[in-house]
N, C-alpha and C. Protein backbone atom coordinates (compact mmCIF):
# COMPACT_ATOMS: atom_id res chain seq x y z
N MET A 1 -20.46 0.78 -272.09
CA MET A 1 -20.69 -0.73 -272.18
C MET A 1 -20.11 -1.63 -271.62
N PRO A 2 -20.73 -2.71 -271.50
CA PRO A 2 -20.27 -3.68 -270.24
C PRO A 2 -19.05 -4.87 -270.85
N LEU A 3 -18.71 -5.56 -270.23
CA LEU A 3 -17.21 -6.02 -270.86
C LEU A 3 -17.60 -7.45 -270.34
N ALA A 4 -18.05 -8.45 -271.08
CA ALA A 4 -18.42 -9.86 -270.73
C ALA A 4 -17.47 -10.97 -271.01
N ILE A 5 -17.16 -11.12 -270.35
CA ILE A 5 -15.47 -12.68 -270.23
C ILE A 5 -16.15 -13.68 -270.42
N PHE A 6 -15.30 -15.07 -271.45
CA PHE A 6 -15.76 -16.56 -270.27
C PHE A 6 -14.02 -16.52 -270.61
N ALA A 7 -13.55 -17.22 -269.13
CA ALA A 7 -12.33 -17.59 -269.60
C ALA A 7 -11.51 -18.78 -269.26
N THR A 8 -11.17 -19.94 -269.57
CA THR A 8 -11.44 -21.18 -269.52
C THR A 8 -9.94 -21.39 -269.34
N ILE A 9 -9.42 -21.86 -268.02
CA ILE A 9 -8.86 -22.73 -268.09
C ILE A 9 -8.20 -24.41 -267.12
N THR A 10 -6.97 -24.17 -267.65
CA THR A 10 -6.98 -25.58 -268.28
C THR A 10 -5.34 -25.46 -266.99
N PRO A 11 -5.90 -26.88 -265.76
CA PRO A 11 -4.42 -26.68 -264.68
C PRO A 11 -4.77 -28.80 -265.02
N LYS A 12 -3.01 -28.17 -265.02
CA LYS A 12 -2.27 -29.46 -265.09
C LYS A 12 -3.23 -30.98 -263.83
N PRO A 13 -3.72 -31.96 -263.93
CA PRO A 13 -4.56 -33.15 -263.78
C PRO A 13 -4.39 -32.44 -261.76
N GLU A 14 -2.82 -32.51 -261.18
CA GLU A 14 -2.37 -33.04 -260.16
C GLU A 14 -2.67 -30.80 -258.90
N HIS A 15 -3.00 -30.31 -260.57
CA HIS A 15 -3.06 -28.19 -259.70
C HIS A 15 -4.24 -27.99 -259.60
N LEU A 16 -5.42 -29.28 -260.09
CA LEU A 16 -7.29 -29.22 -261.11
C LEU A 16 -7.42 -28.45 -258.97
N SER A 17 -7.58 -29.16 -258.10
CA SER A 17 -8.05 -28.96 -256.70
C SER A 17 -7.27 -27.09 -256.30
N ASP A 18 -6.39 -27.00 -255.95
CA ASP A 18 -5.00 -25.91 -255.94
C ASP A 18 -5.62 -24.61 -256.31
N ALA A 19 -6.29 -25.06 -258.03
CA ALA A 19 -6.37 -23.44 -258.58
C ALA A 19 -8.12 -22.83 -258.34
N VAL A 20 -8.30 -24.69 -258.28
CA VAL A 20 -10.09 -24.87 -257.42
C VAL A 20 -9.88 -23.66 -256.18
N ALA A 21 -9.60 -24.00 -255.71
CA ALA A 21 -9.55 -22.89 -254.68
C ALA A 21 -8.84 -22.07 -254.57
N ALA A 22 -7.72 -21.83 -254.77
CA ALA A 22 -7.44 -20.01 -255.11
C ALA A 22 -8.29 -19.55 -256.02
N ILE A 23 -8.90 -19.57 -256.74
CA ILE A 23 -10.05 -18.47 -257.75
C ILE A 23 -11.76 -18.19 -256.49
N GLU A 24 -11.78 -19.96 -255.08
CA GLU A 24 -12.88 -20.19 -254.56
C GLU A 24 -12.11 -18.64 -253.47
N ALA A 25 -11.34 -18.73 -253.51
CA ALA A 25 -10.07 -17.54 -251.88
C ALA A 25 -10.59 -16.09 -252.35
N ILE A 26 -10.69 -15.91 -254.05
CA ILE A 26 -11.38 -14.52 -254.60
C ILE A 26 -12.68 -14.22 -254.77
N VAL A 27 -12.72 -15.25 -255.16
CA VAL A 27 -14.76 -14.56 -255.95
C VAL A 27 -15.14 -13.86 -254.66
N ALA A 28 -14.97 -13.36 -253.77
CA ALA A 28 -16.18 -12.79 -253.11
C ALA A 28 -15.42 -11.45 -252.82
N ALA A 29 -14.11 -11.22 -252.90
CA ALA A 29 -14.01 -10.23 -253.23
C ALA A 29 -13.72 -9.38 -254.83
N THR A 30 -13.20 -11.05 -254.77
CA THR A 30 -13.29 -10.44 -256.79
C THR A 30 -15.08 -9.54 -256.30
N ARG A 31 -16.06 -10.04 -256.00
CA ARG A 31 -17.35 -9.81 -256.47
C ARG A 31 -18.19 -8.77 -255.98
N ALA A 32 -16.88 -7.49 -254.31
CA ALA A 32 -17.20 -6.66 -254.03
C ALA A 32 -16.82 -5.70 -254.98
N GLU A 33 -15.93 -5.66 -255.93
CA GLU A 33 -15.32 -5.46 -256.15
C GLU A 33 -16.02 -4.21 -257.39
N ARG A 34 -15.71 -3.00 -257.44
CA ARG A 34 -15.99 -1.70 -257.80
C ARG A 34 -16.52 -2.01 -259.61
N GLY A 35 -17.61 -2.55 -260.10
CA GLY A 35 -17.54 -2.51 -261.44
C GLY A 35 -18.22 -4.01 -261.70
N CYS A 36 -17.71 -5.31 -260.60
CA CYS A 36 -17.47 -6.25 -260.82
C CYS A 36 -19.11 -6.67 -260.88
N LEU A 37 -19.69 -7.53 -262.18
CA LEU A 37 -21.67 -7.31 -262.17
C LEU A 37 -21.44 -9.21 -262.33
N ARG A 38 -20.72 -9.47 -262.32
CA ARG A 38 -20.12 -10.80 -262.69
C ARG A 38 -19.01 -11.70 -262.54
N PHE A 39 -19.24 -12.91 -261.35
CA PHE A 39 -18.39 -13.71 -261.17
C PHE A 39 -18.33 -14.55 -260.55
N ASP A 40 -18.72 -15.34 -262.12
CA ASP A 40 -18.81 -16.35 -261.77
C ASP A 40 -18.03 -18.33 -261.52
N LEU A 41 -18.02 -19.80 -261.26
CA LEU A 41 -16.39 -19.95 -261.99
C LEU A 41 -17.01 -21.60 -261.49
N HIS A 42 -16.74 -22.28 -263.18
CA HIS A 42 -17.56 -23.43 -263.29
C HIS A 42 -16.60 -24.62 -263.14
N ARG A 43 -17.00 -25.53 -263.33
CA ARG A 43 -16.03 -26.63 -263.75
C ARG A 43 -16.80 -27.55 -264.99
N GLY A 44 -16.06 -28.89 -266.31
CA GLY A 44 -16.28 -29.07 -266.66
C GLY A 44 -17.24 -30.23 -265.80
N VAL A 45 -18.36 -30.31 -267.57
CA VAL A 45 -18.83 -31.80 -266.93
C VAL A 45 -18.11 -32.62 -266.78
N GLU A 46 -17.35 -32.88 -268.72
CA GLU A 46 -16.94 -33.63 -269.50
C GLU A 46 -14.69 -34.31 -268.80
N THR A 47 -15.09 -32.59 -268.94
CA THR A 47 -13.41 -32.35 -268.38
C THR A 47 -13.00 -31.75 -267.15
N GLU A 48 -11.41 -31.46 -266.49
CA GLU A 48 -10.80 -30.60 -265.66
C GLU A 48 -11.06 -29.23 -265.74
N GLN A 49 -11.14 -28.38 -267.27
CA GLN A 49 -11.14 -28.30 -267.03
C GLN A 49 -11.72 -26.17 -266.58
N LEU A 50 -12.32 -25.26 -265.72
CA LEU A 50 -12.34 -25.26 -265.75
C LEU A 50 -12.97 -23.43 -266.05
N HIS A 51 -14.14 -23.12 -266.17
CA HIS A 51 -14.43 -21.51 -266.81
C HIS A 51 -15.06 -20.72 -265.48
N LEU A 52 -14.65 -19.33 -265.74
CA LEU A 52 -15.15 -18.35 -265.87
C LEU A 52 -15.54 -17.19 -266.77
N TYR A 53 -16.76 -16.99 -265.98
CA TYR A 53 -18.63 -16.14 -266.28
C TYR A 53 -17.77 -14.92 -266.13
N GLU A 54 -17.61 -13.69 -266.03
CA GLU A 54 -17.48 -12.84 -265.80
C GLU A 54 -18.10 -11.60 -266.90
N ILE A 55 -18.76 -10.58 -265.61
CA ILE A 55 -18.99 -9.63 -266.24
C ILE A 55 -18.74 -8.32 -266.14
N TRP A 56 -18.25 -7.24 -266.98
CA TRP A 56 -17.47 -5.91 -265.65
C TRP A 56 -18.77 -4.65 -266.43
N ALA A 57 -17.98 -4.09 -265.71
CA ALA A 57 -18.83 -2.28 -266.29
C ALA A 57 -18.43 -1.58 -266.95
N ASP A 58 -17.21 -1.71 -267.29
CA ASP A 58 -16.08 -1.97 -268.31
C ASP A 58 -14.80 -2.57 -268.19
N GLN A 59 -13.64 -1.27 -268.77
CA GLN A 59 -12.39 -1.78 -269.68
C GLN A 59 -11.99 -1.13 -268.94
N ALA A 60 -12.20 -1.07 -268.01
CA ALA A 60 -10.79 0.12 -266.68
C ALA A 60 -11.56 -0.52 -265.32
N ALA A 61 -12.57 -1.13 -265.41
CA ALA A 61 -13.11 -2.54 -264.51
C ALA A 61 -12.40 -4.13 -264.02
N PHE A 62 -12.05 -4.37 -265.58
CA PHE A 62 -11.82 -5.42 -266.07
C PHE A 62 -10.32 -5.32 -264.75
N ASP A 63 -9.16 -4.26 -266.11
CA ASP A 63 -7.95 -3.68 -265.37
C ASP A 63 -8.09 -4.10 -264.47
N HIS A 64 -8.72 -3.36 -263.07
CA HIS A 64 -8.77 -3.06 -261.64
C HIS A 64 -8.39 -3.93 -261.14
N HIS A 65 -9.48 -5.27 -261.47
CA HIS A 65 -8.94 -5.99 -261.45
C HIS A 65 -8.20 -6.96 -261.04
N HIS A 66 -7.36 -7.01 -262.92
CA HIS A 66 -6.73 -8.11 -262.45
C HIS A 66 -4.73 -7.20 -261.56
N ALA A 67 -5.07 -5.23 -261.53
CA ALA A 67 -4.62 -5.45 -260.45
C ALA A 67 -4.13 -5.71 -259.40
N GLN A 68 -4.61 -6.00 -258.61
CA GLN A 68 -5.66 -6.30 -257.29
C GLN A 68 -4.22 -7.90 -256.63
N PRO A 69 -4.23 -7.19 -255.94
CA PRO A 69 -2.71 -8.39 -255.14
C PRO A 69 -3.52 -9.96 -255.52
N TYR A 70 -4.40 -9.98 -254.91
CA TYR A 70 -5.85 -10.81 -254.80
C TYR A 70 -5.13 -11.67 -256.53
N THR A 71 -5.46 -11.21 -256.99
CA THR A 71 -5.63 -11.63 -258.88
C THR A 71 -3.89 -12.06 -258.79
N ARG A 72 -3.14 -11.45 -258.49
CA ARG A 72 -1.73 -11.30 -259.21
C ARG A 72 -0.85 -12.68 -258.95
N ALA A 73 -1.39 -12.04 -257.46
CA ALA A 73 -0.95 -14.04 -256.44
C ALA A 73 -1.90 -16.02 -257.86
N VAL A 74 -2.72 -15.31 -257.79
CA VAL A 74 -3.07 -16.14 -258.52
C VAL A 74 -2.61 -16.17 -260.03
N PHE A 75 -2.58 -15.58 -260.35
CA PHE A 75 -1.38 -15.32 -261.72
C PHE A 75 -0.16 -15.84 -261.25
N ARG A 76 0.52 -15.91 -260.35
CA ARG A 76 0.93 -16.07 -260.42
C ARG A 76 0.96 -17.95 -260.63
N HIS A 77 0.29 -18.04 -259.58
CA HIS A 77 0.57 -20.28 -258.90
C HIS A 77 -0.10 -20.74 -260.30
N TYR A 78 -0.61 -19.92 -261.52
CA TYR A 78 -1.64 -20.34 -262.30
C TYR A 78 0.91 -20.35 -263.51
N GLU A 79 1.48 -20.03 -263.56
CA GLU A 79 3.07 -20.24 -263.82
C GLU A 79 2.45 -21.92 -263.30
N ALA A 80 2.88 -22.72 -261.59
CA ALA A 80 3.64 -23.86 -261.91
C ALA A 80 1.69 -24.67 -262.00
N TRP A 81 0.81 -24.47 -262.35
CA TRP A 81 -0.37 -25.01 -262.31
C TRP A 81 -0.90 -25.35 -263.00
N LEU A 82 -0.41 -24.62 -264.13
CA LEU A 82 -1.44 -24.63 -265.47
C LEU A 82 -0.82 -25.13 -266.46
N ALA A 83 -2.03 -26.93 -267.28
CA ALA A 83 -1.20 -27.33 -268.91
C ALA A 83 -1.15 -25.83 -269.70
N ARG A 84 -1.38 -24.85 -270.38
CA ARG A 84 -1.86 -23.85 -271.15
C ARG A 84 -2.20 -22.57 -269.99
N PRO A 85 -1.84 -21.42 -271.18
CA PRO A 85 -2.04 -19.90 -270.79
C PRO A 85 -3.66 -20.30 -271.07
N VAL A 86 -4.35 -19.28 -270.17
CA VAL A 86 -5.60 -19.44 -269.95
C VAL A 86 -6.11 -18.91 -271.21
N GLU A 87 -7.30 -18.80 -271.37
CA GLU A 87 -7.61 -18.13 -272.99
C GLU A 87 -9.03 -17.49 -272.40
N LEU A 88 -9.06 -16.17 -272.87
CA LEU A 88 -9.47 -15.46 -273.23
C LEU A 88 -11.02 -15.44 -274.23
N THR A 89 -12.22 -14.90 -274.27
CA THR A 89 -12.85 -15.08 -274.64
C THR A 89 -14.47 -13.93 -275.27
N ILE A 90 -13.27 -12.70 -275.47
CA ILE A 90 -14.76 -11.61 -275.43
C ILE A 90 -15.63 -11.51 -275.83
N LEU A 91 -17.15 -11.09 -275.08
CA LEU A 91 -18.14 -11.66 -275.66
C LEU A 91 -19.12 -10.54 -276.16
N GLN A 92 -19.25 -10.72 -276.41
CA GLN A 92 -20.88 -8.91 -276.90
C GLN A 92 -22.24 -9.57 -276.88
N PRO A 93 -22.76 -8.98 -277.14
CA PRO A 93 -24.61 -9.77 -277.01
C PRO A 93 -24.71 -9.75 -278.26
N VAL A 94 -25.87 -10.45 -278.69
CA VAL A 94 -26.14 -10.53 -280.10
C VAL A 94 -27.67 -10.59 -279.89
N ALA A 95 -28.67 -10.94 -279.13
CA ALA A 95 -29.51 -10.85 -278.88
C ALA A 95 -30.81 -10.74 -278.33
């Protein structure tokens, strides 16, 4: 069963552009990963939060993504850039 995820990323104001650039830099590689069905970055209209809407073929594909060196590098940067930890919401279809 596909795994849908909504991630909310809250960078410190001075690191918003850094976070956007870091995620933009991995979008193409992520979308090319086996099992990636969707990986879209959005920015809140009234906030400086970033949102990733991701759909993966399964948990294994999601785990594989988080094991990639480029994904791990972004998370290393997050340690200094984020105002709070990434919030992950697992979604399931309703209708």
